[in-house]
Amino acid sequence: MRHNHHRRWGKNGFLGLLAVALAALPLLTLRTAEFQGSDDQGKEMVHQLDPNYRPWFSPLWEPPGSEIESLLFSLQAALGAGVVGYAIGYLHARRRDRHESD
């Protein structure tokens, strides 16, 4: 059992390093690239297709700066990851408890 524990940590560690490398690779190799959000790209494409287009609604509130917008996006992502992690842990524990009671 102890051997399996070390193998699992090694596998998870490798996957974690792989995820970090995949996230860092574009930042390291494309140093002069401009990274835009999909909202900006969508606006540009709509303007190219129809320069006379006028949005039919406006946001209720816009963050005062791009830093605040990034912070809110990060908080939303962290909250979502927490909910998904909790659900996976809950389902895993429930399945483990079922197998232990059999």
N, C-alpha and C. Protein backbone atom coordinates (compact mmCIF):
# COMPACT_ATOMS: atom_id res chain seq x y z
N MET A 1 0.83 -1.19 0.00
CA MET A 1 0.00 0.00 0.00
C MET A 1 0.88 1.25 0.00
N ARG A 2 1.97 1.22 0.71
CA ARG A 2 2.85 2.39 0.79
C ARG A 2 3.45 2.70 -0.58
N HIS A 3 3.79 1.66 -1.34
CA HIS A 3 4.36 1.84 -2.66
C HIS A 3 3.36 2.54 -3.58
N ASN A 4 2.09 2.17 -3.50
CA ASN A 4 1.04 2.78 -4.33
C ASN A 4 0.88 4.27 -3.98
N HIS A 5 1.04 4.62 -2.71
CA HIS A 5 0.91 6.01 -2.27
C HIS A 5 1.98 6.88 -2.93
N HIS A 6 3.22 6.38 -2.98
CA HIS A 6 4.30 7.14 -3.61
C HIS A 6 4.09 7.26 -5.11
N ARG A 7 3.57 6.22 -5.73
CA ARG A 7 3.32 6.26 -7.17
C ARG A 7 2.25 7.30 -7.49
N ARG A 8 1.22 7.38 -6.65
CA ARG A 8 0.15 8.36 -6.87
C ARG A 8 0.69 9.78 -6.75
N TRP A 9 1.54 10.04 -5.73
CA TRP A 9 2.12 11.37 -5.57
C TRP A 9 3.00 11.71 -6.75
N GLY A 10 3.75 10.74 -7.25
CA GLY A 10 4.61 10.97 -8.41
C GLY A 10 3.80 11.30 -9.64
N LYS A 11 2.73 10.56 -9.85
CA LYS A 11 1.86 10.80 -11.01
C LYS A 11 1.19 12.16 -10.90
N ASN A 12 0.65 12.50 -9.73
CA ASN A 12 0.00 13.79 -9.54
C ASN A 12 1.00 14.93 -9.64
N GLY A 13 2.19 14.74 -9.12
CA GLY A 13 3.23 15.76 -9.23
C GLY A 13 3.60 16.01 -10.68
N PHE A 14 3.74 14.94 -11.44
CA PHE A 14 4.04 15.08 -12.87
C PHE A 14 2.94 15.83 -13.58
N LEU A 15 1.69 15.49 -13.31
CA LEU A 15 0.57 16.18 -13.95
C LEU A 15 0.51 17.66 -13.55
N GLY A 16 0.83 17.95 -12.29
CA GLY A 16 0.87 19.34 -11.84
C GLY A 16 1.96 20.13 -12.56
N LEU A 17 3.15 19.55 -12.67
CA LEU A 17 4.24 20.22 -13.39
C LEU A 17 3.90 20.40 -14.87
N LEU A 18 3.22 19.42 -15.44
CA LEU A 18 2.80 19.52 -16.84
C LEU A 18 1.81 20.66 -17.02
N ALA A 19 0.87 20.82 -16.09
CA ALA A 19 -0.09 21.92 -16.17
C ALA A 19 0.60 23.27 -16.06
N VAL A 20 1.57 23.38 -15.14
CA VAL A 20 2.31 24.64 -14.99
C VAL A 20 3.10 24.93 -16.27
N ALA A 21 3.73 23.91 -16.84
CA ALA A 21 4.50 24.11 -18.07
C ALA A 21 3.60 24.55 -19.22
N LEU A 22 2.42 23.95 -19.33
CA LEU A 22 1.50 24.33 -20.40
C LEU A 22 1.00 25.76 -20.23
N ALA A 23 0.84 26.21 -19.01
CA ALA A 23 0.41 27.59 -18.77
C ALA A 23 1.54 28.57 -19.02
N ALA A 24 2.77 28.20 -18.68
CA ALA A 24 3.90 29.11 -18.80
C ALA A 24 4.49 29.15 -20.21
N LEU A 25 4.35 28.09 -20.96
CA LEU A 25 4.97 28.01 -22.28
C LEU A 25 4.57 29.17 -23.20
N PRO A 26 3.29 29.49 -23.38
CA PRO A 26 2.96 30.63 -24.25
C PRO A 26 3.52 31.95 -23.74
N LEU A 27 3.54 32.13 -22.43
CA LEU A 27 4.05 33.38 -21.87
C LEU A 27 5.55 33.53 -22.11
N LEU A 28 6.28 32.42 -22.09
CA LEU A 28 7.73 32.46 -22.28
C LEU A 28 8.12 32.54 -23.75
N THR A 29 7.36 31.89 -24.63
CA THR A 29 7.73 31.84 -26.04
C THR A 29 7.15 32.99 -26.85
N LEU A 30 6.06 33.56 -26.42
CA LEU A 30 5.41 34.65 -27.17
C LEU A 30 5.51 35.95 -26.39
N ARG A 31 6.72 36.37 -26.12
CA ARG A 31 6.93 37.55 -25.26
C ARG A 31 6.38 38.83 -25.85
N THR A 32 6.36 38.98 -27.16
CA THR A 32 5.88 40.22 -27.77
C THR A 32 4.40 40.16 -28.17
N ALA A 33 3.77 39.03 -27.96
CA ALA A 33 2.36 38.88 -28.35
C ALA A 33 1.46 39.67 -27.42
N GLU A 34 0.36 40.15 -27.98
CA GLU A 34 -0.65 40.83 -27.18
C GLU A 34 -1.78 39.84 -26.92
N PHE A 35 -2.04 39.61 -25.64
CA PHE A 35 -3.10 38.69 -25.27
C PHE A 35 -4.36 39.51 -25.02
N GLN A 36 -5.40 39.23 -25.78
CA GLN A 36 -6.67 39.93 -25.69
C GLN A 36 -7.74 38.99 -25.18
N GLY A 37 -8.72 39.57 -24.52
CA GLY A 37 -9.85 38.76 -24.09
C GLY A 37 -10.79 38.49 -25.26
N SER A 38 -11.60 37.48 -25.14
CA SER A 38 -12.53 37.13 -26.21
C SER A 38 -13.58 38.22 -26.42
N ASP A 39 -13.89 38.99 -25.37
CA ASP A 39 -14.86 40.09 -25.53
C ASP A 39 -14.32 41.12 -26.52
N ASP A 40 -13.05 41.49 -26.36
CA ASP A 40 -12.45 42.47 -27.27
C ASP A 40 -12.39 41.94 -28.69
N GLN A 41 -12.03 40.67 -28.84
CA GLN A 41 -11.95 40.08 -30.17
C GLN A 41 -13.34 40.02 -30.81
N GLY A 42 -14.36 39.73 -30.02
CA GLY A 42 -15.73 39.69 -30.54
C GLY A 42 -16.19 41.06 -31.01
N LYS A 43 -15.90 42.09 -30.23
CA LYS A 43 -16.26 43.46 -30.61
C LYS A 43 -15.61 43.84 -31.93
N GLU A 44 -14.33 43.51 -32.05
CA GLU A 44 -13.61 43.85 -33.29
C GLU A 44 -14.20 43.13 -34.49
N MET A 45 -14.55 41.86 -34.32
CA MET A 45 -15.12 41.09 -35.43
C MET A 45 -16.48 41.63 -35.83
N VAL A 46 -17.32 41.96 -34.87
CA VAL A 46 -18.64 42.52 -35.18
C VAL A 46 -18.47 43.84 -35.92
N HIS A 47 -17.54 44.67 -35.46
CA HIS A 47 -17.31 45.97 -36.12
C HIS A 47 -16.82 45.77 -37.55
N GLN A 48 -16.00 44.74 -37.80
CA GLN A 48 -15.54 44.47 -39.16
C GLN A 48 -16.68 44.01 -40.05
N LEU A 49 -17.56 43.17 -39.49
CA LEU A 49 -18.67 42.63 -40.28
C LEU A 49 -19.75 43.67 -40.54
N ASP A 50 -20.03 44.51 -39.54
CA ASP A 50 -21.08 45.52 -39.66
C ASP A 50 -20.67 46.77 -38.89
N PRO A 51 -20.02 47.72 -39.58
CA PRO A 51 -19.55 48.93 -38.88
C PRO A 51 -20.69 49.78 -38.29
N ASN A 52 -21.92 49.61 -38.75
CA ASN A 52 -23.05 50.40 -38.26
C ASN A 52 -23.77 49.74 -37.08
N TYR A 53 -23.30 48.58 -36.66
CA TYR A 53 -23.97 47.87 -35.56
C TYR A 53 -23.90 48.68 -34.27
N ARG A 54 -25.02 48.76 -33.57
CA ARG A 54 -25.10 49.42 -32.27
C ARG A 54 -25.59 48.39 -31.24
N PRO A 55 -24.85 48.24 -30.15
CA PRO A 55 -25.30 47.28 -29.12
C PRO A 55 -26.71 47.63 -28.63
N TRP A 56 -27.50 46.61 -28.35
CA TRP A 56 -28.87 46.84 -27.92
C TRP A 56 -29.02 46.84 -26.41
N PHE A 57 -27.93 46.72 -25.67
CA PHE A 57 -27.96 46.84 -24.21
C PHE A 57 -26.58 47.29 -23.74
N SER A 58 -26.52 47.70 -22.50
CA SER A 58 -25.23 48.08 -21.91
C SER A 58 -25.13 47.42 -20.54
N PRO A 59 -23.91 47.18 -20.07
CA PRO A 59 -23.74 46.52 -18.77
C PRO A 59 -24.34 47.35 -17.63
N LEU A 60 -24.83 46.67 -16.60
CA LEU A 60 -25.36 47.37 -15.44
C LEU A 60 -24.25 48.07 -14.67
N TRP A 61 -23.07 47.46 -14.64
CA TRP A 61 -21.92 48.02 -13.92
C TRP A 61 -20.65 47.57 -14.62
N GLU A 62 -19.72 48.45 -14.77
CA GLU A 62 -18.42 48.10 -15.33
C GLU A 62 -17.35 48.37 -14.28
N PRO A 63 -16.41 47.43 -14.10
CA PRO A 63 -15.34 47.64 -13.12
C PRO A 63 -14.55 48.89 -13.47
N PRO A 64 -14.03 49.58 -12.47
CA PRO A 64 -13.31 50.84 -12.72
C PRO A 64 -11.98 50.67 -13.45
N GLY A 65 -11.43 49.49 -13.48
CA GLY A 65 -10.16 49.29 -14.17
C GLY A 65 -9.96 47.83 -14.55
N SER A 66 -8.99 47.60 -15.40
CA SER A 66 -8.74 46.23 -15.85
C SER A 66 -8.22 45.34 -14.72
N GLU A 67 -7.55 45.95 -13.72
CA GLU A 67 -7.06 45.17 -12.58
C GLU A 67 -8.22 44.62 -11.77
N ILE A 68 -9.23 45.45 -11.55
CA ILE A 68 -10.42 45.01 -10.80
C ILE A 68 -11.16 43.94 -11.58
N GLU A 69 -11.25 44.12 -12.89
CA GLU A 69 -11.90 43.13 -13.74
C GLU A 69 -11.17 41.79 -13.65
N SER A 70 -9.85 41.83 -13.70
CA SER A 70 -9.06 40.60 -13.58
C SER A 70 -9.24 39.96 -12.21
N LEU A 71 -9.29 40.78 -11.17
CA LEU A 71 -9.49 40.27 -9.82
C LEU A 71 -10.84 39.56 -9.71
N LEU A 72 -11.89 40.18 -10.23
CA LEU A 72 -13.22 39.57 -10.17
C LEU A 72 -13.27 38.27 -10.97
N PHE A 73 -12.61 38.26 -12.12
CA PHE A 73 -12.56 37.04 -12.92
C PHE A 73 -11.83 35.93 -12.17
N SER A 74 -10.71 36.28 -11.52
CA SER A 74 -9.94 35.30 -10.75
C SER A 74 -10.75 34.76 -9.58
N LEU A 75 -11.46 35.65 -8.89
CA LEU A 75 -12.30 35.20 -7.78
C LEU A 75 -13.41 34.27 -8.25
N GLN A 76 -13.99 34.60 -9.41
CA GLN A 76 -15.03 33.74 -9.97
C GLN A 76 -14.46 32.36 -10.31
N ALA A 77 -13.28 32.33 -10.91
CA ALA A 77 -12.64 31.06 -11.26
C ALA A 77 -12.30 30.25 -10.01
N ALA A 78 -11.79 30.92 -8.97
CA ALA A 78 -11.44 30.23 -7.73
C ALA A 78 -12.68 29.66 -7.05
N LEU A 79 -13.74 30.43 -7.03
CA LEU A 79 -14.99 29.95 -6.44
C LEU A 79 -15.52 28.74 -7.20
N GLY A 80 -15.49 28.82 -8.51
CA GLY A 80 -15.94 27.68 -9.33
C GLY A 80 -15.09 26.45 -9.10
N ALA A 81 -13.76 26.64 -9.02
CA ALA A 81 -12.87 25.51 -8.76
C ALA A 81 -13.15 24.91 -7.39
N GLY A 82 -13.44 25.76 -6.40
CA GLY A 82 -13.77 25.27 -5.06
C GLY A 82 -15.03 24.44 -5.06
N VAL A 83 -16.05 24.89 -5.78
CA VAL A 83 -17.31 24.15 -5.85
C VAL A 83 -17.10 22.80 -6.54
N VAL A 84 -16.37 22.82 -7.66
CA VAL A 84 -16.12 21.56 -8.37
C VAL A 84 -15.27 20.62 -7.51
N GLY A 85 -14.24 21.14 -6.84
CA GLY A 85 -13.41 20.31 -5.97
C GLY A 85 -14.20 19.71 -4.82
N TYR A 86 -15.08 20.52 -4.22
CA TYR A 86 -15.92 20.01 -3.14
C TYR A 86 -16.83 18.89 -3.65
N ALA A 87 -17.44 19.10 -4.80
CA ALA A 87 -18.35 18.08 -5.35
C ALA A 87 -17.61 16.78 -5.65
N ILE A 88 -16.42 16.88 -6.22
CA ILE A 88 -15.64 15.68 -6.52
C ILE A 88 -15.25 14.97 -5.22
N GLY A 89 -14.80 15.73 -4.22
CA GLY A 89 -14.44 15.13 -2.94
C GLY A 89 -15.63 14.49 -2.25
N TYR A 90 -16.78 15.15 -2.30
CA TYR A 90 -18.00 14.61 -1.69
C TYR A 90 -18.39 13.30 -2.35
N LEU A 91 -18.41 13.29 -3.68
CA LEU A 91 -18.80 12.07 -4.39
C LEU A 91 -17.80 10.94 -4.17
N HIS A 92 -16.51 11.28 -4.11
CA HIS A 92 -15.48 10.27 -3.86
C HIS A 92 -15.66 9.66 -2.46
N ALA A 93 -15.88 10.52 -1.46
CA ALA A 93 -16.05 10.02 -0.09
C ALA A 93 -17.33 9.19 0.02
N ARG A 94 -18.37 9.60 -0.64
CA ARG A 94 -19.63 8.84 -0.59
C ARG A 94 -19.44 7.45 -1.19
N ARG A 95 -18.72 7.39 -2.30
CA ARG A 95 -18.49 6.09 -2.95
C ARG A 95 -17.58 5.23 -2.07
N ARG A 96 -16.56 5.84 -1.45
CA ARG A 96 -15.65 5.09 -0.57
C ARG A 96 -16.42 4.54 0.64
N ASP A 97 -17.31 5.37 1.22
CA ASP A 97 -18.09 4.92 2.38
C ASP A 97 -19.02 3.78 2.01
N ARG A 98 -19.57 3.80 0.82
CA ARG A 98 -20.43 2.69 0.38
C ARG A 98 -19.65 1.38 0.29
N HIS A 99 -18.42 1.49 -0.28
CA HIS A 99 -17.61 0.28 -0.43
C HIS A 99 -17.13 -0.23 0.92
N GLU A 100 -16.86 0.65 1.88
CA GLU A 100 -16.42 0.22 3.20
C GLU A 100 -17.55 -0.44 3.98
N SER A 101 -18.79 -0.01 3.74
CA SER A 101 -19.91 -0.57 4.48
C SER A 101 -20.35 -1.93 3.92
N ASP A 102 -19.94 -2.25 2.68
CA ASP A 102 -20.32 -3.55 2.09
C ASP A 102 -19.51 -4.69 2.63
